[in-house]
């Protein structure tokens, strides 16, 4: 028969049994933590003078003393000052090693094309250093509907390839129908079109990076970006408000870890496609 009280009443450590252990975690920028005593949740924006500053998903900022009293995914942690990064090869935001000579190359004729400004800014923030070294330019189309026009004006060739990134490339979507029609045309040999399944590139930023459990569900018939802003309690009266909302979201992205795998793989595919040796001329 098991003795649930143990066999040695004088054994050390009985007071600690069943108490969760607290681990030390470096207070790295953009790490999302929860304050145990009041439930405030936010991403770390800075560490200074023994304090850690957190920003929640509404853009509000509060400072707390470094140390215990924080949770990550429900587990107690003690935030400590991050150690200095060791010297050695530097990694870019995409996770690749930066070359010793990372000066921008002369731009290749090949291009990566994205639908809009926000897509271009997100790709630049994570892959910009890699693309400059490779000499790859990212351009935005101002809508997938304009891709046909571009292909007619400047058709792709063996040495001028186009890699295209598309939002909401799922079965039955308008975007999928446009892509299918284009790929059945004359330019498919030197054209690669890939996409992610999300309604908009905003959703390619992980909920964890945003400090939320999941992106809000927006009802059909409501402009998606306007709906997202209102769900977050942000202004959404005009394009200036939408632009400010995007800047808030983009500020939460520092490395590839802040993006959904469904986007990461597609961008890497396009970079490989436009930088293959025979595409350089």
Protein backbone atom coordinates (compact mmCIF):
# COMPACT_ATOMS: atom_id res chain seq x y z
CA UNK A 1 0.00 0.00 0.00
CA UNK A 2 1.40 3.42 -0.96
CA UNK A 3 2.09 5.86 1.84
CA UNK A 4 1.00 9.25 0.47
CA UNK A 5 2.68 10.99 3.41
CA UNK A 6 6.10 9.58 2.65
CA UNK A 7 8.32 7.42 4.77
CA UNK A 8 10.56 10.05 6.35
CA UNK A 9 8.82 12.88 8.21
CA UNK A 10 12.16 14.64 8.68
CA UNK A 11 13.20 14.54 4.98
CA UNK A 12 14.51 17.79 3.51
CA UNK A 13 12.49 19.70 0.92
CA UNK A 14 8.98 18.78 2.06
CA UNK A 15 7.91 22.44 2.02
CA UNK A 16 8.77 22.71 -1.71
CA UNK A 17 6.87 19.65 -2.88
CA UNK A 18 4.19 20.59 -5.42
CA UNK A 19 5.43 24.19 -5.70
CA UNK A 20 6.22 25.16 -9.32
CA UNK A 21 9.89 25.96 -9.89
CA UNK A 22 10.83 29.38 -11.25
CA UNK A 23 13.37 29.49 -14.06
CA UNK A 24 15.58 32.38 -15.15
CA UNK A 25 14.75 33.78 -18.59
CA UNK A 26 16.66 36.52 -20.39
CA UNK A 27 14.46 39.60 -20.91
CA UNK A 28 14.89 39.71 -24.67
CA UNK A 29 13.11 42.36 -26.71
CA UNK A 30 9.68 41.21 -28.04
CA UNK A 31 9.44 38.27 -25.63
CA UNK A 32 5.78 38.10 -24.53
CA UNK A 33 5.28 37.66 -20.76
CA UNK A 34 2.44 37.96 -18.25
CA UNK A 35 2.63 39.72 -14.89
CA UNK A 36 1.53 37.11 -12.35
CA UNK A 37 -0.19 39.37 -9.82
CA UNK A 38 -2.47 41.34 -12.15
CA UNK A 39 -2.59 39.44 -15.47
CA UNK A 40 -1.08 42.27 -17.54
CA UNK A 41 0.41 40.73 -20.70
CA UNK A 42 2.80 42.38 -23.11
CA UNK A 43 5.95 42.19 -25.19
CA UNK A 44 9.25 43.42 -23.81
CA UNK A 45 10.26 46.72 -25.40
CA UNK A 46 13.33 47.57 -23.32
CA UNK A 47 15.34 46.73 -20.21
CA UNK A 48 16.89 49.63 -18.36
CA UNK A 49 17.96 50.57 -14.79
CA UNK A 50 16.63 47.35 -13.30
CA UNK A 51 13.23 47.71 -14.97
CA UNK A 52 11.58 45.85 -17.84
CA UNK A 53 9.05 47.71 -20.01
CA UNK A 54 6.11 45.77 -21.48
CA UNK A 55 3.78 46.86 -24.30
CA UNK A 56 0.36 45.21 -24.59
CA UNK A 57 -1.60 44.64 -27.80
CA UNK A 58 -3.30 48.05 -27.45
CA UNK A 59 0.05 49.85 -27.41
CA UNK A 60 -0.06 50.65 -23.68
CA UNK A 61 3.28 50.44 -21.86
CA UNK A 62 4.08 49.68 -18.22
CA UNK A 63 7.37 49.09 -16.38
CA UNK A 64 8.09 46.44 -13.75
CA UNK A 65 11.16 45.51 -11.67
CA UNK A 66 13.28 42.75 -13.14
CA UNK A 67 13.15 39.47 -11.25
CA UNK A 68 10.34 37.13 -10.31
CA UNK A 69 6.60 37.54 -10.63
CA UNK A 70 6.25 36.83 -14.36
CA UNK A 71 4.70 33.99 -16.35
CA UNK A 72 5.43 32.58 -19.81
CA UNK A 73 2.68 30.26 -21.08
CA UNK A 74 1.54 29.90 -17.46
CA UNK A 75 4.95 28.89 -16.10
CA UNK A 76 6.65 31.12 -13.48
CA UNK A 77 9.86 32.77 -14.63
CA UNK A 78 12.39 35.23 -13.29
CA UNK A 79 13.38 37.87 -15.85
CA UNK A 80 17.09 38.64 -15.88
CA UNK A 81 19.25 41.06 -17.87
CA UNK A 82 20.17 39.44 -21.23
CA UNK A 83 23.78 38.36 -21.59
CA UNK A 84 25.90 40.11 -24.18
CA UNK A 85 25.81 38.31 -27.50
CA UNK A 86 29.03 36.35 -28.09
CA UNK A 87 31.25 37.49 -30.88
CA UNK A 88 31.09 35.41 -34.03
CA UNK A 89 29.16 35.19 -37.28
CA UNK A 90 26.17 37.54 -37.21
CA UNK A 91 22.74 36.19 -38.10
CA UNK A 92 20.23 38.18 -40.09
CA UNK A 93 16.56 38.50 -39.15
CA UNK A 94 15.81 35.59 -41.48
CA UNK A 95 18.12 33.32 -39.47
CA UNK A 96 20.87 33.07 -42.11
CA UNK A 97 24.51 33.94 -41.45
CA UNK A 98 25.49 37.39 -42.66
CA UNK A 99 28.59 37.32 -44.89
CA UNK A 100 31.67 39.26 -43.86
CA UNK A 101 31.12 41.57 -46.82
CA UNK A 102 27.40 42.34 -46.73
CA UNK A 103 27.41 45.29 -49.09
CA UNK A 104 24.47 45.39 -51.50
CA UNK A 105 25.10 43.85 -54.91
CA UNK A 106 24.03 45.33 -58.21
CA UNK A 107 20.37 44.47 -58.62
CA UNK A 108 19.53 41.36 -60.63
CA UNK A 109 17.06 41.63 -63.52
CA UNK A 110 14.86 39.09 -61.69
CA UNK A 111 12.33 40.40 -59.19
CA UNK A 112 10.15 39.28 -56.30
CA UNK A 113 6.67 40.77 -56.66
CA UNK A 114 4.20 41.13 -53.78
CA UNK A 115 0.65 42.43 -53.73
CA UNK A 116 0.98 45.56 -51.62
CA UNK A 117 3.13 47.87 -49.55
CA UNK A 118 2.60 45.98 -46.31
CA UNK A 119 3.78 42.71 -47.88
CA UNK A 120 6.88 44.47 -49.20
CA UNK A 121 7.68 46.05 -45.83
CA UNK A 122 7.34 42.73 -44.01
CA UNK A 123 9.60 40.94 -46.49
CA UNK A 124 12.13 43.77 -46.24
CA UNK A 125 12.17 43.67 -42.44
CA UNK A 126 12.95 39.95 -42.22
CA UNK A 127 14.79 39.18 -45.47
CA UNK A 128 16.10 42.64 -46.44
CA UNK A 129 19.72 41.97 -45.53
CA UNK A 130 19.75 38.69 -47.48
CA UNK A 131 18.07 40.23 -50.52
CA UNK A 132 20.52 43.13 -50.70
CA UNK A 133 23.46 40.74 -50.65
CA UNK A 134 21.85 38.67 -53.42
CA UNK A 135 20.88 41.76 -55.41
CA UNK A 136 17.16 40.96 -55.38
CA UNK A 137 14.62 43.79 -55.53
CA UNK A 138 11.12 43.44 -54.06
CA UNK A 139 8.37 45.40 -55.82
CA UNK A 140 4.69 45.64 -55.01
CA UNK A 141 1.92 45.45 -57.56
CA UNK A 142 -0.83 47.43 -55.80
CA UNK A 143 -3.08 44.43 -56.30
CA UNK A 144 -2.83 41.03 -57.95
CA UNK A 145 -5.13 42.27 -60.73
CA UNK A 146 -2.19 44.26 -62.11
CA UNK A 147 0.10 41.26 -62.61
CA UNK A 148 -1.27 40.52 -66.11
CA UNK A 149 -0.51 44.10 -67.15
CA UNK A 150 3.07 43.90 -65.89
CA UNK A 151 3.68 40.58 -67.65
CA UNK A 152 2.44 42.05 -70.92
CA UNK A 153 4.67 45.14 -70.62
CA UNK A 154 7.82 43.34 -69.44
CA UNK A 155 7.53 39.56 -69.94
CA UNK A 156 9.78 37.33 -67.80
CA UNK A 157 12.67 35.52 -69.46
CA UNK A 158 15.28 32.94 -68.50
CA UNK A 159 17.45 35.75 -67.08
CA UNK A 160 14.63 37.95 -65.76
CA UNK A 161 12.45 35.75 -63.62
CA UNK A 162 9.51 36.87 -61.54
CA UNK A 163 8.67 35.28 -58.22
CA UNK A 164 5.24 36.36 -56.99
CA UNK A 165 3.88 36.18 -53.43
CA UNK A 166 0.08 36.13 -53.13
CA UNK A 167 -2.25 36.55 -50.14
CA UNK A 168 -5.14 34.14 -49.49
CA UNK A 169 -4.08 31.52 -52.03
CA UNK A 170 -6.62 28.87 -51.08
CA UNK A 171 -9.07 26.70 -53.02
CA UNK A 172 -11.95 28.70 -54.45
CA UNK A 173 -10.55 32.16 -53.72
CA UNK A 174 -10.45 34.95 -56.27
CA UNK A 175 -6.66 34.97 -55.97
CA UNK A 176 -6.44 31.28 -56.86
CA UNK A 177 -8.57 31.78 -59.96
CA UNK A 178 -6.35 34.66 -61.14
CA UNK A 179 -3.17 32.66 -60.54
CA UNK A 180 -4.49 29.58 -62.36
CA UNK A 181 -5.36 31.69 -65.40
CA UNK A 182 -1.95 33.39 -65.46
CA UNK A 183 -0.02 30.14 -65.09
CA UNK A 184 -1.89 28.67 -68.07
CA UNK A 185 -0.60 31.57 -70.18
CA UNK A 186 2.66 32.11 -72.03
CA UNK A 187 4.89 33.09 -69.11
CA UNK A 188 4.78 30.07 -66.82
CA UNK A 189 8.30 28.80 -67.60
CA UNK A 190 9.96 31.86 -66.04
CA UNK A 191 7.32 32.69 -63.46
CA UNK A 192 6.72 31.23 -60.00
CA UNK A 193 3.62 32.17 -58.03
CA UNK A 194 3.22 30.98 -54.45
CA UNK A 195 1.03 32.14 -51.59
CA UNK A 196 0.03 31.85 -47.98
CA UNK A 197 -3.50 30.93 -46.79
CA UNK A 198 -4.20 34.01 -44.69
CA UNK A 199 -6.68 36.73 -45.67
CA UNK A 200 -4.00 39.40 -45.38
CA UNK A 201 -0.28 39.55 -44.68
CA UNK A 202 -1.08 41.03 -41.25
CA UNK A 203 -2.12 37.52 -40.16
CA UNK A 204 1.32 36.18 -41.09
CA UNK A 205 2.57 37.74 -37.85
CA UNK A 206 2.08 35.08 -35.19
CA UNK A 207 -0.41 35.64 -32.36
CA UNK A 208 2.47 35.07 -29.92
CA UNK A 209 4.40 38.00 -31.38
CA UNK A 210 1.25 40.13 -31.05
CA UNK A 211 0.68 39.07 -27.44
CA UNK A 212 -2.75 37.57 -28.24
CA UNK A 213 -4.18 34.05 -28.29
CA UNK A 214 -5.48 34.28 -31.85
CA UNK A 215 -6.33 36.81 -34.51
CA UNK A 216 -9.93 38.08 -34.19
CA UNK A 217 -12.57 36.59 -36.48
CA UNK A 218 -14.03 39.32 -38.70
CA UNK A 219 -17.62 38.86 -40.00
CA UNK A 220 -18.18 38.56 -43.75
CA UNK A 221 -19.08 41.89 -45.32
CA UNK A 222 -16.76 43.86 -43.01
CA UNK A 223 -13.52 45.22 -44.40
CA UNK A 224 -10.96 42.90 -42.82
CA UNK A 225 -8.36 45.46 -41.78
CA UNK A 226 -11.01 47.84 -40.45
CA UNK A 227 -12.51 44.97 -38.48
CA UNK A 228 -9.14 44.01 -37.02
CA UNK A 229 -8.46 47.58 -35.90
CA UNK A 230 -11.85 47.85 -34.21
CA UNK A 231 -11.41 44.48 -32.53
CA UNK A 232 -8.14 45.76 -31.06
CA UNK A 233 -9.69 49.08 -30.07
CA UNK A 234 -7.57 51.03 -32.55
CA UNK A 235 -8.82 53.92 -34.72
CA UNK A 236 -10.02 52.80 -38.17
CA UNK A 237 -11.62 55.85 -39.76
CA UNK A 238 -9.30 56.27 -42.76
CA UNK A 239 -6.16 54.98 -44.49
CA UNK A 240 -3.95 56.91 -42.07
CA UNK A 241 -5.39 54.88 -39.18
CA UNK A 242 -4.85 51.64 -41.12
CA UNK A 243 -1.24 52.65 -41.83
CA UNK A 244 -0.64 53.36 -38.13
CA UNK A 245 -2.16 49.98 -37.22
CA UNK A 246 0.22 48.23 -39.61
CA UNK A 247 3.20 50.04 -38.08
CA UNK A 248 2.16 48.71 -34.68
CA UNK A 249 1.93 45.18 -36.05
CA UNK A 250 5.20 45.43 -37.97
CA UNK A 251 7.00 46.68 -34.84
CA UNK A 252 6.30 43.27 -33.25
CA UNK A 253 8.38 41.50 -35.90
CA UNK A 254 12.12 41.25 -35.34
CA UNK A 255 13.05 37.80 -36.68
CA UNK A 256 11.62 34.98 -38.77
CA UNK A 257 10.35 33.39 -35.53
CA UNK A 258 7.64 36.07 -35.40
CA UNK A 259 6.15 34.90 -38.70
CA UNK A 260 3.96 31.94 -39.62
CA UNK A 261 5.76 29.00 -41.30
CA UNK A 262 3.26 29.21 -44.17
CA UNK A 263 4.84 32.52 -45.16
CA UNK A 264 8.45 31.66 -44.34
CA UNK A 265 8.63 28.71 -46.70
CA UNK A 266 7.05 30.58 -49.59
CA UNK A 267 9.42 33.54 -49.41
CA UNK A 268 12.42 31.21 -49.25
CA UNK A 269 11.07 29.41 -52.35
CA UNK A 270 10.89 32.68 -54.27
CA UNK A 271 14.39 33.75 -53.25
CA UNK A 272 15.77 30.42 -54.48
CA UNK A 273 13.82 30.72 -57.73
CA UNK A 274 15.06 34.20 -58.68
CA UNK A 275 18.68 33.59 -57.58
CA UNK A 276 19.32 30.25 -59.33
CA UNK A 277 22.58 30.51 -61.31
CA UNK A 278 20.97 30.31 -64.74
CA UNK A 279 18.58 33.14 -63.76
CA UNK A 280 21.52 35.49 -63.24
CA UNK A 281 22.50 35.53 -66.89
